[in-house]
Each structure stands twice: as C-alpha cells, then as structure tokens.
Amino acid sequence: MEMAYFRELHRFSRKALRGHYGTAWAAVMLELLLRLGSWLAPAIFAAVCIRRGTLSPAALFTDWRWALAASLWWLLSFCIRVPVQCSVRSWFTSITELSLPGQARCFFPTARRYFHALYFFGTTELVRSFAMLPLLLAGTGTLLLLRQSTGIPEGGLWLFAAVQGLAAVFWAGWYELRFSVSLSAVPYLYLNDPHRGVFRSIRDSRRMLSGHHHRLAAAVLPYVPAIPLTGPFLLPCLMTDLTLFLQLRIREYEQAAFSGGNHV
C-alpha cells in the first residue's frame, strides 16, 4: 500500500516537472544559495574567534564589531530570503496543481503583508532555535567534560561523564531533528492561509505530521544516495515530491478536521 502510494507520488511529480525543470532548478538553487549565504558572515565570525582562541560567549563582547556585522548580515539575508522562499514554495505548489485560487499572485503587494511574513517566519525560526537549546547545552557540557578528562589523574571519571554526555547529545540531536521535521508544513500552511496565526500553524504542522515522519522520510531518502553523484540536479525532483506530499497531507488533515473525525 505504502509502496504504491509513493510510486504514484513520484510518477505524478515527474509529470508535473515536465517542461519546468530549468525554472525549478533555478528556483531551488536561488533559495539554497540565499539560505547558505545567510550563514556566511556568522561562519566567518566563528572562524575568526577560533583563530584567536576566543570562541566563547564572551567573544560577543570582545569582538563585538564582528558579532554585530554577522548579526546584521543574517538579518538582511533573512529579509531577502522570506519572499523568495514563499515564491518558490508557491511555484512548486502551482505546478503540482494543488494551489488554492489566488495563491500564485504577488505575495507582498503592501508593506504590511511583507512585515507580517517576516514576523511569521521569524517567529518560526525562533521557536526552532529554542528547540536546539538542549542540543547546544549537551554539546557544550560534553566538550567541557572531554577537556577536563585530559591531563589529570581523575580523568577516567571525567571521561565516563563525557561518554554519558555524548549520549545526551545524540538524544538531544534526535529530538531537534524530529522537531524540525514536524515544522515542515508551516510554510505551506502560510501559503494556503496567510491569516492563520503562526503558533496555530506550528501546532497544526506538528499534529498533521505526528505519526507520518517515516512517510516523509520515505519521500526524501531515495534521493540521498544519488545527490553526491548528481550534485544539485536532483533537487527539483526532491522539492516537487516534498511539496506534493506536504500539500496532500494538509488536505487530508483539514478534511478530517472539517468532517469532525479524528485527525489522521
């Protein structure tokens, strides 16, 4: 049953991409470059701190010029990336013939709509960042324990604690991954209804993907072994499959809610 579902999903997405592959590739690469570019300045700031041996929270104050430049770069990149991200998601939805009436129109005809989108996706990124706190705390604690375990007679005890910390890093990373996956439908919920609240969208995305993470992984994982060989040329196919799966899942969830039945 599941195999037939994904076989049909792949077949439909290939049909949708016919005659649109060049545009799809350009759209995916544009969003990918903007996403990677937004972390360019923070990565340079971290590299400078590592070179100086000052990679710590105190570096935000001692190297405040670098920190300010990195923060402003990320903020500017985010303001540019939001409309591009919305346009790319909407375009992929439109070629799969699952867009709602008027969805493919200009997204930000007014400054109010644009700033609302910045608030919506900025809040989503903030919630995602809070979900990373357990991973950051576990990773920092494990790094400190590993440093304490070298060069002292009682290093065995510290090393044991560091190994337990590595287990905490694993589980914290697993939680952060599942949480990020559960937010995959948020951009599409915004496209379908821009007036939907951000926290309602986050809640609905987590509910509709609860118990369906393995299906989302089944739609994405077949591309993973081929991407190192083909480079970015399979990304349009991956994006089309992902868009199709999430939009279909949104429709199933909303139909179940409308009929008053249990969420599937």
Protein backbone atom coordinates (compact mmCIF):
# COMPACT_ATOMS: atom_id res chain seq x y z
CA MET A 1 0.00 0.00 0.00
CA GLU A 2 2.73 2.47 1.03
CA MET A 3 4.95 1.47 -1.89
CA ALA A 4 2.12 2.06 -4.34
CA TYR A 5 1.41 5.46 -2.76
CA PHE A 6 4.98 6.67 -3.15
CA ARG A 7 5.31 5.19 -6.62
CA GLU A 8 2.26 7.18 -7.68
CA LEU A 9 3.59 10.29 -5.91
CA HIS A 10 6.93 10.05 -7.76
CA ARG A 11 5.16 9.48 -11.07
CA PHE A 12 2.88 12.49 -10.57
CA SER A 13 5.76 14.77 -9.55
CA ARG A 14 7.80 13.77 -12.64
CA LYS A 15 4.80 14.59 -14.80
CA ALA A 16 4.43 17.96 -13.08
CA LEU A 17 8.10 18.82 -13.73
CA ARG A 18 7.91 18.25 -17.49
CA GLY A 19 8.75 21.45 -19.28
CA HIS A 20 9.53 23.20 -15.97
CA TYR A 21 12.81 21.58 -14.90
CA GLY A 22 15.02 24.57 -15.76
CA THR A 23 12.84 27.02 -13.82
CA ALA A 24 12.54 24.56 -10.93
CA TRP A 25 16.31 24.10 -10.75
CA ALA A 26 16.92 27.88 -10.80
CA ALA A 27 14.30 28.42 -8.05
CA VAL A 28 15.74 25.71 -5.79
CA MET A 29 19.31 26.91 -6.28
CA LEU A 30 18.34 30.53 -5.56
CA GLU A 31 16.73 29.60 -2.24
CA LEU A 32 19.61 27.28 -1.36
CA LEU A 33 22.23 29.93 -2.06
CA LEU A 34 20.33 32.52 -0.02
CA ARG A 35 19.98 30.05 2.85
CA LEU A 36 23.69 29.20 2.79
CA GLY A 37 24.67 32.83 2.28
CA SER A 38 22.77 33.90 5.38
CA TRP A 39 25.25 31.90 7.49
CA LEU A 40 28.36 33.14 5.65
CA ALA A 41 29.11 36.06 7.97
CA PRO A 42 28.36 34.09 11.21
CA ALA A 43 30.69 31.33 9.93
CA ILE A 44 33.45 33.90 9.29
CA PHE A 45 32.90 35.32 12.79
CA ALA A 46 33.25 31.83 14.30
CA ALA A 47 36.39 31.20 12.23
CA VAL A 48 37.94 34.47 13.47
CA CYS A 49 37.14 33.52 17.08
CA ILE A 50 38.63 30.04 16.61
CA ARG A 51 41.79 31.52 15.10
CA ARG A 52 42.14 33.94 18.01
CA GLY A 53 41.26 31.24 20.54
CA THR A 54 38.32 33.27 21.85
CA LEU A 55 35.37 31.08 20.79
CA SER A 56 33.11 31.64 23.82
CA PRO A 57 30.03 33.71 24.74
CA ALA A 58 32.42 36.44 25.88
CA ALA A 59 33.54 36.84 22.25
CA LEU A 60 30.22 38.56 21.54
CA PHE A 61 31.52 41.47 23.63
CA THR A 62 35.27 41.35 22.97
CA ASP A 63 34.75 41.03 19.20
CA TRP A 64 31.52 42.99 19.14
CA ARG A 65 32.16 44.51 15.71
CA TRP A 66 32.41 41.08 14.09
CA ALA A 67 29.37 39.90 16.07
CA LEU A 68 27.33 42.95 15.02
CA ALA A 69 28.33 42.55 11.37
CA ALA A 70 27.41 38.85 11.43
CA SER A 71 24.03 39.59 13.05
CA LEU A 72 23.18 42.35 10.57
CA TRP A 73 24.21 40.13 7.66
CA TRP A 74 21.96 37.32 8.86
CA LEU A 75 19.05 39.72 9.40
CA LEU A 76 19.43 41.24 5.93
CA SER A 77 19.69 37.80 4.34
CA PHE A 78 16.58 36.67 6.20
CA CYS A 79 14.59 39.69 4.99
CA ILE A 80 15.57 38.84 1.40
CA ARG A 81 15.05 35.10 1.79
CA VAL A 82 11.47 35.22 3.13
CA PRO A 83 9.76 36.45 -0.08
CA VAL A 84 11.97 34.17 -2.19
CA GLN A 85 11.08 31.18 -0.01
CA CYS A 86 7.35 31.95 -0.26
CA SER A 87 7.57 32.39 -4.03
CA VAL A 88 9.49 29.15 -4.52
CA ARG A 89 7.08 27.13 -2.36
CA SER A 90 4.10 28.65 -4.15
CA TRP A 91 5.57 27.97 -7.59
CA PHE A 92 6.17 24.31 -6.78
CA THR A 93 2.64 24.08 -5.40
CA SER A 94 1.23 25.61 -8.58
CA ILE A 95 2.95 23.12 -10.92
CA THR A 96 1.54 20.24 -8.89
CA GLU A 97 -1.94 21.73 -9.47
CA LEU A 98 -2.65 21.84 -5.74
CA SER A 99 -2.61 25.61 -5.27
CA LEU A 100 -5.65 27.39 -3.94
CA PRO A 101 -7.33 30.13 -6.00
CA GLY A 102 -5.24 33.28 -5.93
CA GLN A 103 -2.31 31.62 -4.17
CA ALA A 104 0.15 32.24 -7.01
CA ARG A 105 -0.47 36.01 -7.00
CA CYS A 106 2.06 38.56 -5.81
CA PHE A 107 2.66 37.81 -2.14
CA PHE A 108 3.62 41.19 -0.80
CA PRO A 109 1.66 43.92 -2.61
CA THR A 110 1.86 46.01 0.56
CA ALA A 111 4.50 46.59 3.22
CA ARG A 112 2.05 45.25 5.83
CA ARG A 113 1.91 41.84 4.15
CA TYR A 114 5.69 41.75 3.88
CA PHE A 115 6.31 42.58 7.53
CA HIS A 116 3.65 40.10 8.57
CA ALA A 117 5.55 37.42 6.67
CA LEU A 118 8.78 38.47 8.39
CA TYR A 119 7.04 38.17 11.76
CA PHE A 120 5.55 34.78 10.83
CA PHE A 121 8.75 33.13 9.62
CA GLY A 122 10.93 34.96 12.15
CA THR A 123 8.82 33.53 14.98
CA THR A 124 9.05 30.08 13.40
CA GLU A 125 12.86 30.35 13.27
CA LEU A 126 12.89 31.50 16.91
CA VAL A 127 10.81 28.50 18.01
CA ARG A 128 13.13 26.23 16.03
CA SER A 129 16.14 27.84 17.75
CA PHE A 130 14.66 27.22 21.21
CA ALA A 131 14.31 23.54 20.26
CA MET A 132 18.08 23.49 19.67
CA LEU A 133 18.87 24.58 23.23
CA PRO A 134 19.05 21.01 24.65
CA LEU A 135 21.48 20.06 21.88
CA LEU A 136 23.65 23.14 22.46
CA LEU A 137 23.70 22.62 26.24
CA ALA A 138 24.50 18.91 25.90
CA GLY A 139 27.23 19.61 23.33
CA THR A 140 28.84 22.37 25.41
CA GLY A 141 28.76 20.25 28.57
CA THR A 142 30.27 17.26 26.78
CA LEU A 143 33.06 19.40 25.31
CA LEU A 144 33.93 20.77 28.75
CA LEU A 145 33.93 17.28 30.24
CA LEU A 146 36.21 15.98 27.50
CA ARG A 147 38.64 18.82 28.19
CA GLN A 148 38.59 18.03 31.92
CA SER A 149 39.33 14.35 31.25
CA THR A 150 42.80 15.01 29.76
CA GLY A 151 45.93 15.54 31.80
CA ILE A 152 44.57 14.77 35.31
CA PRO A 153 44.69 11.51 37.34
CA GLU A 154 40.94 11.51 37.83
CA GLY A 155 40.44 11.72 34.07
CA GLY A 156 38.65 8.36 33.97
CA LEU A 157 35.71 9.72 35.93
CA TRP A 158 35.51 12.80 33.72
CA LEU A 159 35.78 10.61 30.62
CA PHE A 160 32.87 8.45 31.83
CA ALA A 161 30.80 11.60 32.35
CA ALA A 162 31.77 12.78 28.85
CA VAL A 163 30.59 9.50 27.33
CA GLN A 164 27.25 9.96 29.07
CA GLY A 165 27.23 13.48 27.70
CA LEU A 166 27.68 12.11 24.17
CA ALA A 167 24.56 10.00 24.70
CA ALA A 168 22.73 13.15 25.78
CA VAL A 169 23.97 14.91 22.62
CA PHE A 170 22.60 12.06 20.50
CA TRP A 171 19.14 12.15 22.06
CA ALA A 172 19.03 15.95 22.05
CA GLY A 173 20.01 15.93 18.36
CA TRP A 174 17.33 13.33 17.65
CA TYR A 175 14.71 15.50 19.36
CA GLU A 176 15.82 18.60 17.43
CA LEU A 177 15.68 16.69 14.13
CA ARG A 178 12.17 15.38 14.82
CA PHE A 179 11.01 18.85 15.90
CA SER A 180 12.41 20.46 12.73
CA VAL A 181 10.77 17.80 10.56
CA SER A 182 7.46 18.40 12.33
CA LEU A 183 7.58 22.05 11.20
CA SER A 184 7.98 21.15 7.50
CA ALA A 185 4.35 22.01 6.69
CA VAL A 186 4.44 25.51 8.25
CA PRO A 187 5.41 27.40 5.03
CA TYR A 188 2.64 25.65 3.08
CA LEU A 189 0.08 26.39 5.79
CA TYR A 190 1.03 30.06 5.50
CA LEU A 191 0.66 29.96 1.71
CA ASN A 192 -2.77 28.34 1.95
CA ASP A 193 -3.96 30.86 4.54
CA PRO A 194 -1.72 33.90 5.24
CA HIS A 195 -4.08 34.99 8.04
CA ARG A 196 -3.52 31.80 10.03
CA GLY A 197 -1.63 32.52 13.24
CA VAL A 198 1.98 31.41 13.48
CA PHE A 199 1.52 29.34 16.65
CA ARG A 200 -1.59 27.73 15.24
CA SER A 201 0.38 26.84 12.12
CA ILE A 202 3.17 25.32 14.23
CA ARG A 203 0.64 23.34 16.27
CA ASP A 204 -1.23 22.11 13.18
CA SER A 205 2.01 21.17 11.40
CA ARG A 206 3.16 19.09 14.37
CA ARG A 207 -0.23 17.41 14.66
CA MET A 208 -0.64 16.58 10.98
CA LEU A 209 2.89 15.13 10.72
CA SER A 210 2.72 13.22 14.00
CA GLY A 211 2.99 9.55 13.08
CA HIS A 212 3.93 10.45 9.49
CA HIS A 213 7.63 11.19 9.90
CA HIS A 214 8.50 7.82 8.38
CA ARG A 215 6.37 8.63 5.32
CA LEU A 216 8.08 11.99 4.92
CA ALA A 217 11.45 10.25 5.22
CA ALA A 218 10.35 7.69 2.61
CA ALA A 219 9.66 10.56 0.20
CA VAL A 220 13.08 12.15 0.77
CA LEU A 221 15.56 9.34 1.49
CA PRO A 222 15.56 7.75 -2.02
CA TYR A 223 17.34 10.88 -3.28
CA VAL A 224 20.06 10.96 -0.61
CA PRO A 225 22.41 8.31 -2.13
CA ALA A 226 22.13 9.88 -5.60
CA ILE A 227 22.74 13.53 -4.62
CA PRO A 228 26.54 13.08 -4.09
CA LEU A 229 26.74 11.65 -7.63
CA THR A 230 24.42 14.07 -9.40
CA GLY A 231 25.06 17.19 -7.33
CA PRO A 232 22.16 19.63 -7.14
CA PHE A 233 20.43 18.37 -10.29
CA LEU A 234 18.04 16.12 -8.36
CA LEU A 235 16.95 18.89 -6.00
CA PRO A 236 13.97 19.96 -8.19
CA CYS A 237 12.64 16.39 -8.10
CA LEU A 238 13.13 16.24 -4.34
CA MET A 239 11.40 19.60 -3.85
CA THR A 240 8.45 18.58 -6.03
CA ASP A 241 7.97 15.31 -4.14
CA LEU A 242 8.21 17.09 -0.79
CA THR A 243 5.73 19.80 -1.83
CA LEU A 244 3.28 17.24 -3.18
CA PHE A 245 3.48 15.07 -0.05
CA LEU A 246 3.01 18.00 2.36
CA GLN A 247 0.15 19.59 0.44
CA LEU A 248 -1.67 16.25 0.23
CA ARG A 249 -1.10 15.73 3.95
CA ILE A 250 -2.52 19.21 4.68
CA ARG A 251 -5.64 18.40 2.67
CA GLU A 252 -6.11 15.07 4.45
CA TYR A 253 -5.74 16.78 7.84
CA GLU A 254 -8.11 19.64 7.03
CA GLN A 255 -10.73 17.31 5.52
CA ALA A 256 -10.62 15.19 8.67
CA ALA A 257 -11.00 18.33 10.81
CA PHE A 258 -13.88 19.59 8.66
CA SER A 259 -15.74 16.28 8.86
CA GLY A 260 -15.30 16.22 12.63
CA GLY A 261 -13.44 12.93 12.61
CA ASN A 262 -10.17 12.02 14.24
CA HIS A 263 -7.05 13.58 12.75
CA VAL A 264 -5.35 11.02 10.54
